[in-house]
């Protein structure tokens, strides 16, 4: 069964900021970043419980080819809430403080 995915506004901002940064580095790279993130969001809608929890009830999925993780929480097995898209070198507290 497919879960609904809710992307918090802060996470949307994370995606936009990272994509814009990548686009400034190389034309088309920002779009590739966005596409990778969308693929992982789709994956989480199908298999949200396949990853161990990293901090309390939050799970993390590493985005391959980019040093970012999707930080998420599963609510009632029917809803996946995306809390942030965080660079792997960010302070752990910054990745974990969103609710």
N, C-alpha and C. Protein backbone atom coordinates (compact mmCIF):
# COMPACT_ATOMS: atom_id res chain seq x y z
N UNK A 1 0.83 -1.18 0.00
CA UNK A 1 0.00 0.00 0.00
C UNK A 1 0.88 1.25 0.00
N UNK A 2 0.51 2.20 -0.79
CA UNK A 2 1.27 3.43 -0.93
C UNK A 2 0.85 4.45 0.13
N UNK A 3 1.81 5.04 0.80
CA UNK A 3 1.55 6.06 1.81
C UNK A 3 1.52 7.45 1.17
N UNK A 4 0.83 8.34 1.82
CA UNK A 4 0.85 9.74 1.41
C UNK A 4 2.17 10.33 1.91
N UNK A 5 2.76 11.21 1.12
CA UNK A 5 4.00 11.89 1.50
C UNK A 5 3.70 13.38 1.64
N UNK A 6 3.98 13.91 2.82
CA UNK A 6 3.81 15.34 3.08
C UNK A 6 5.21 15.95 3.24
N UNK A 7 5.51 16.94 2.43
CA UNK A 7 6.82 17.60 2.50
C UNK A 7 6.64 18.93 3.22
N UNK A 8 7.26 19.04 4.39
CA UNK A 8 7.18 20.28 5.17
C UNK A 8 7.78 21.44 4.37
N UNK A 9 7.31 22.64 4.66
CA UNK A 9 7.80 23.83 3.96
C UNK A 9 9.31 23.99 4.11
N UNK A 10 9.83 23.69 5.29
CA UNK A 10 11.28 23.80 5.52
C UNK A 10 12.04 22.84 4.60
N UNK A 11 11.50 21.66 4.40
CA UNK A 11 12.15 20.68 3.52
C UNK A 11 12.09 21.14 2.06
N UNK A 12 10.98 21.76 1.67
CA UNK A 12 10.88 22.32 0.31
C UNK A 12 11.95 23.39 0.10
N UNK A 13 12.15 24.18 1.12
CA UNK A 13 13.19 25.22 1.04
C UNK A 13 14.58 24.59 0.94
N UNK A 14 14.80 23.52 1.71
CA UNK A 14 16.09 22.81 1.65
C UNK A 14 16.36 22.33 0.23
N UNK A 15 15.35 21.76 -0.40
CA UNK A 15 15.50 21.23 -1.77
C UNK A 15 15.83 22.36 -2.73
N UNK A 16 15.09 23.45 -2.64
CA UNK A 16 15.31 24.59 -3.55
C UNK A 16 16.69 25.19 -3.38
N UNK A 17 17.11 25.39 -2.13
CA UNK A 17 18.42 25.98 -1.88
C UNK A 17 19.55 25.10 -2.41
N UNK A 18 19.45 23.79 -2.15
CA UNK A 18 20.48 22.87 -2.63
C UNK A 18 20.49 22.80 -4.15
N UNK A 19 19.31 22.73 -4.75
CA UNK A 19 19.23 22.66 -6.22
C UNK A 19 19.81 23.92 -6.85
N UNK A 20 19.51 25.07 -6.28
CA UNK A 20 20.06 26.32 -6.81
C UNK A 20 21.58 26.34 -6.69
N UNK A 21 22.10 25.85 -5.57
CA UNK A 21 23.55 25.81 -5.39
C UNK A 21 24.18 24.89 -6.44
N UNK A 22 23.61 23.70 -6.63
CA UNK A 22 24.15 22.77 -7.63
C UNK A 22 24.04 23.35 -9.03
N UNK A 23 22.98 24.05 -9.32
CA UNK A 23 22.80 24.64 -10.65
C UNK A 23 23.87 25.69 -10.92
N UNK A 24 24.26 26.43 -9.89
CA UNK A 24 25.35 27.43 -10.05
C UNK A 24 26.69 26.75 -10.30
N UNK A 25 26.84 25.52 -9.82
CA UNK A 25 28.09 24.80 -10.02
C UNK A 25 28.19 24.25 -11.43
N UNK A 26 27.05 23.76 -11.94
CA UNK A 26 27.04 23.17 -13.29
C UNK A 26 25.60 23.16 -13.82
N UNK A 27 25.42 23.63 -15.02
CA UNK A 27 24.09 23.66 -15.63
C UNK A 27 23.49 22.26 -15.67
N UNK A 28 22.26 22.12 -15.21
CA UNK A 28 21.56 20.84 -15.22
C UNK A 28 21.73 20.02 -13.96
N UNK A 29 22.75 20.34 -13.16
CA UNK A 29 23.01 19.55 -11.95
C UNK A 29 21.93 19.78 -10.89
N UNK A 30 21.40 20.99 -10.81
CA UNK A 30 20.32 21.26 -9.87
C UNK A 30 19.09 20.45 -10.20
N UNK A 31 18.78 20.32 -11.48
CA UNK A 31 17.63 19.52 -11.90
C UNK A 31 17.84 18.05 -11.58
N UNK A 32 19.06 17.56 -11.77
CA UNK A 32 19.36 16.16 -11.42
C UNK A 32 19.17 15.94 -9.93
N UNK A 33 19.59 16.92 -9.11
CA UNK A 33 19.40 16.82 -7.66
C UNK A 33 17.91 16.70 -7.33
N UNK A 34 17.10 17.60 -7.91
CA UNK A 34 15.65 17.58 -7.67
C UNK A 34 15.04 16.23 -8.07
N UNK A 35 15.44 15.72 -9.22
CA UNK A 35 14.91 14.43 -9.70
C UNK A 35 15.27 13.30 -8.75
N UNK A 36 16.52 13.32 -8.25
CA UNK A 36 16.93 12.29 -7.29
C UNK A 36 16.09 12.37 -6.02
N UNK A 37 15.87 13.58 -5.52
CA UNK A 37 15.07 13.75 -4.31
C UNK A 37 13.64 13.23 -4.56
N UNK A 38 13.05 13.58 -5.67
CA UNK A 38 11.69 13.13 -6.00
C UNK A 38 11.64 11.60 -6.05
N UNK A 39 12.65 10.98 -6.63
CA UNK A 39 12.70 9.51 -6.68
C UNK A 39 12.72 8.91 -5.27
N UNK A 40 13.47 9.52 -4.36
CA UNK A 40 13.53 9.02 -2.99
C UNK A 40 12.22 9.25 -2.26
N UNK A 41 11.54 10.35 -2.53
CA UNK A 41 10.24 10.59 -1.91
C UNK A 41 9.23 9.54 -2.39
N UNK A 42 9.29 9.21 -3.66
CA UNK A 42 8.42 8.16 -4.21
C UNK A 42 8.74 6.81 -3.56
N UNK A 43 10.02 6.53 -3.41
CA UNK A 43 10.45 5.29 -2.76
C UNK A 43 9.92 5.22 -1.33
N UNK A 44 10.01 6.34 -0.59
CA UNK A 44 9.52 6.34 0.79
C UNK A 44 8.01 6.16 0.86
N UNK A 45 7.29 6.58 -0.16
CA UNK A 45 5.85 6.38 -0.15
C UNK A 45 5.49 4.90 -0.26
N UNK A 46 6.39 4.12 -0.83
CA UNK A 46 6.15 2.68 -1.01
C UNK A 46 6.76 1.85 0.13
N UNK A 47 7.94 2.25 0.58
CA UNK A 47 8.67 1.47 1.60
C UNK A 47 9.17 2.35 2.74
N UNK A 48 8.29 2.96 3.51
CA UNK A 48 8.75 3.88 4.55
C UNK A 48 9.37 3.18 5.76
N UNK A 49 9.10 1.91 5.95
CA UNK A 49 9.59 1.23 7.15
C UNK A 49 10.84 0.40 6.90
N UNK A 50 11.44 0.53 5.73
CA UNK A 50 12.62 -0.27 5.39
C UNK A 50 13.93 0.28 5.94
N UNK A 51 13.87 1.38 6.68
CA UNK A 51 15.10 2.00 7.18
C UNK A 51 15.03 2.13 8.68
N UNK A 52 16.18 1.94 9.31
CA UNK A 52 16.21 2.06 10.76
C UNK A 52 16.06 3.52 11.16
N UNK A 53 15.57 3.73 12.33
CA UNK A 53 15.43 5.07 12.86
C UNK A 53 16.81 5.56 13.29
N UNK A 54 17.14 6.78 12.94
CA UNK A 54 18.44 7.34 13.27
C UNK A 54 18.39 8.16 14.56
N UNK A 55 17.26 8.80 14.81
CA UNK A 55 17.13 9.63 15.99
C UNK A 55 15.66 9.65 16.40
N UNK A 56 15.40 9.11 17.58
CA UNK A 56 14.03 8.98 18.07
C UNK A 56 13.17 8.33 16.99
N UNK A 57 12.12 8.99 16.55
CA UNK A 57 11.24 8.38 15.54
C UNK A 57 11.59 8.80 14.12
N UNK A 58 12.66 9.56 13.93
CA UNK A 58 13.05 10.02 12.60
C UNK A 58 13.92 9.00 11.88
N UNK A 59 13.60 8.79 10.61
CA UNK A 59 14.42 7.95 9.76
C UNK A 59 15.22 8.82 8.81
N UNK A 60 16.26 8.26 8.24
CA UNK A 60 17.08 8.98 7.26
C UNK A 60 17.40 8.05 6.10
N UNK A 61 17.34 8.61 4.90
CA UNK A 61 17.71 7.89 3.69
C UNK A 61 18.76 8.71 2.96
N UNK A 62 19.89 8.11 2.69
CA UNK A 62 20.96 8.78 1.96
C UNK A 62 20.60 8.88 0.48
N UNK A 63 20.75 10.07 -0.08
CA UNK A 63 20.52 10.29 -1.50
C UNK A 63 21.81 9.96 -2.23
N UNK A 64 21.80 8.91 -3.01
CA UNK A 64 23.01 8.51 -3.73
C UNK A 64 23.40 9.57 -4.75
N UNK A 65 24.68 9.73 -4.94
CA UNK A 65 25.29 10.68 -5.88
C UNK A 65 25.30 12.11 -5.36
N UNK A 66 24.65 12.36 -4.24
CA UNK A 66 24.67 13.68 -3.61
C UNK A 66 24.83 13.48 -2.11
N UNK A 67 25.61 14.32 -1.44
CA UNK A 67 25.84 14.13 0.00
C UNK A 67 24.70 14.69 0.86
N UNK A 68 23.49 14.21 0.63
CA UNK A 68 22.31 14.66 1.36
C UNK A 68 21.53 13.47 1.87
N UNK A 69 20.78 13.71 2.94
CA UNK A 69 19.86 12.71 3.47
C UNK A 69 18.46 13.29 3.52
N UNK A 70 17.48 12.42 3.33
CA UNK A 70 16.08 12.78 3.53
C UNK A 70 15.76 12.37 4.97
N UNK A 71 15.38 13.34 5.80
CA UNK A 71 14.99 13.07 7.18
C UNK A 71 13.47 13.04 7.21
N UNK A 72 12.91 11.95 7.72
CA UNK A 72 11.47 11.76 7.64
C UNK A 72 10.93 11.09 8.90
N UNK A 73 9.62 11.13 9.02
CA UNK A 73 8.93 10.46 10.12
C UNK A 73 7.69 9.76 9.55
N UNK A 74 7.47 8.53 9.97
CA UNK A 74 6.27 7.79 9.56
C UNK A 74 5.19 8.03 10.62
N UNK A 75 4.00 8.44 10.16
CA UNK A 75 2.88 8.71 11.05
C UNK A 75 1.76 7.72 10.71
N UNK A 76 1.38 6.88 11.65
CA UNK A 76 0.26 5.95 11.49
C UNK A 76 0.35 5.04 10.26
N UNK A 77 1.50 4.71 9.80
CA UNK A 77 1.71 3.81 8.65
C UNK A 77 1.00 4.26 7.37
N UNK A 78 0.37 5.42 7.39
CA UNK A 78 -0.33 5.92 6.21
C UNK A 78 0.25 7.23 5.70
N UNK A 79 1.14 7.82 6.47
CA UNK A 79 1.67 9.15 6.15
C UNK A 79 3.15 9.20 6.45
N UNK A 80 3.91 9.69 5.48
CA UNK A 80 5.34 9.93 5.66
C UNK A 80 5.53 11.44 5.60
N UNK A 81 6.09 12.01 6.66
CA UNK A 81 6.33 13.45 6.72
C UNK A 81 7.81 13.70 6.50
N UNK A 82 8.12 14.46 5.46
CA UNK A 82 9.52 14.81 5.16
C UNK A 82 9.85 16.05 5.96
N UNK A 83 10.80 15.92 6.89
CA UNK A 83 11.16 17.01 7.79
C UNK A 83 12.24 17.90 7.22
N UNK A 84 13.23 17.29 6.58
CA UNK A 84 14.31 18.09 6.00
C UNK A 84 15.07 17.28 4.96
N UNK A 85 15.78 18.01 4.14
CA UNK A 85 16.74 17.44 3.20
C UNK A 85 18.06 18.08 3.64
N UNK A 86 18.90 17.30 4.29
CA UNK A 86 20.05 17.88 4.97
C UNK A 86 21.36 17.38 4.36
N UNK A 87 22.31 18.30 4.25
CA UNK A 87 23.66 17.94 3.81
C UNK A 87 24.28 17.06 4.89
N UNK A 88 24.99 16.05 4.50
CA UNK A 88 25.55 15.09 5.46
C UNK A 88 26.55 15.73 6.43
N UNK A 89 27.14 16.86 6.06
CA UNK A 89 28.11 17.50 6.94
C UNK A 89 27.49 18.54 7.86
N UNK A 90 26.16 18.71 7.80
CA UNK A 90 25.52 19.63 8.73
C UNK A 90 25.59 19.05 10.12
N UNK A 91 25.54 19.93 11.09
CA UNK A 91 25.50 19.47 12.48
C UNK A 91 24.31 18.51 12.63
N UNK A 92 24.52 17.45 13.36
CA UNK A 92 23.45 16.49 13.57
C UNK A 92 22.24 17.14 14.22
N UNK A 93 22.46 18.07 15.13
CA UNK A 93 21.34 18.71 15.81
C UNK A 93 20.47 19.48 14.82
N UNK A 94 21.09 20.07 13.79
CA UNK A 94 20.31 20.82 12.81
C UNK A 94 19.40 19.88 12.03
N UNK A 95 19.88 18.69 11.70
CA UNK A 95 19.07 17.73 10.97
C UNK A 95 17.93 17.21 11.85
N UNK A 96 18.18 17.11 13.13
CA UNK A 96 17.24 16.44 14.02
C UNK A 96 16.26 17.36 14.73
N UNK A 97 16.48 18.66 14.69
CA UNK A 97 15.65 19.54 15.49
C UNK A 97 14.28 19.83 14.91
N UNK A 98 14.05 19.53 13.67
CA UNK A 98 12.75 19.80 13.05
C UNK A 98 11.71 18.78 13.48
N UNK A 99 10.50 19.27 13.63
CA UNK A 99 9.39 18.38 14.05
C UNK A 99 8.26 18.47 13.10
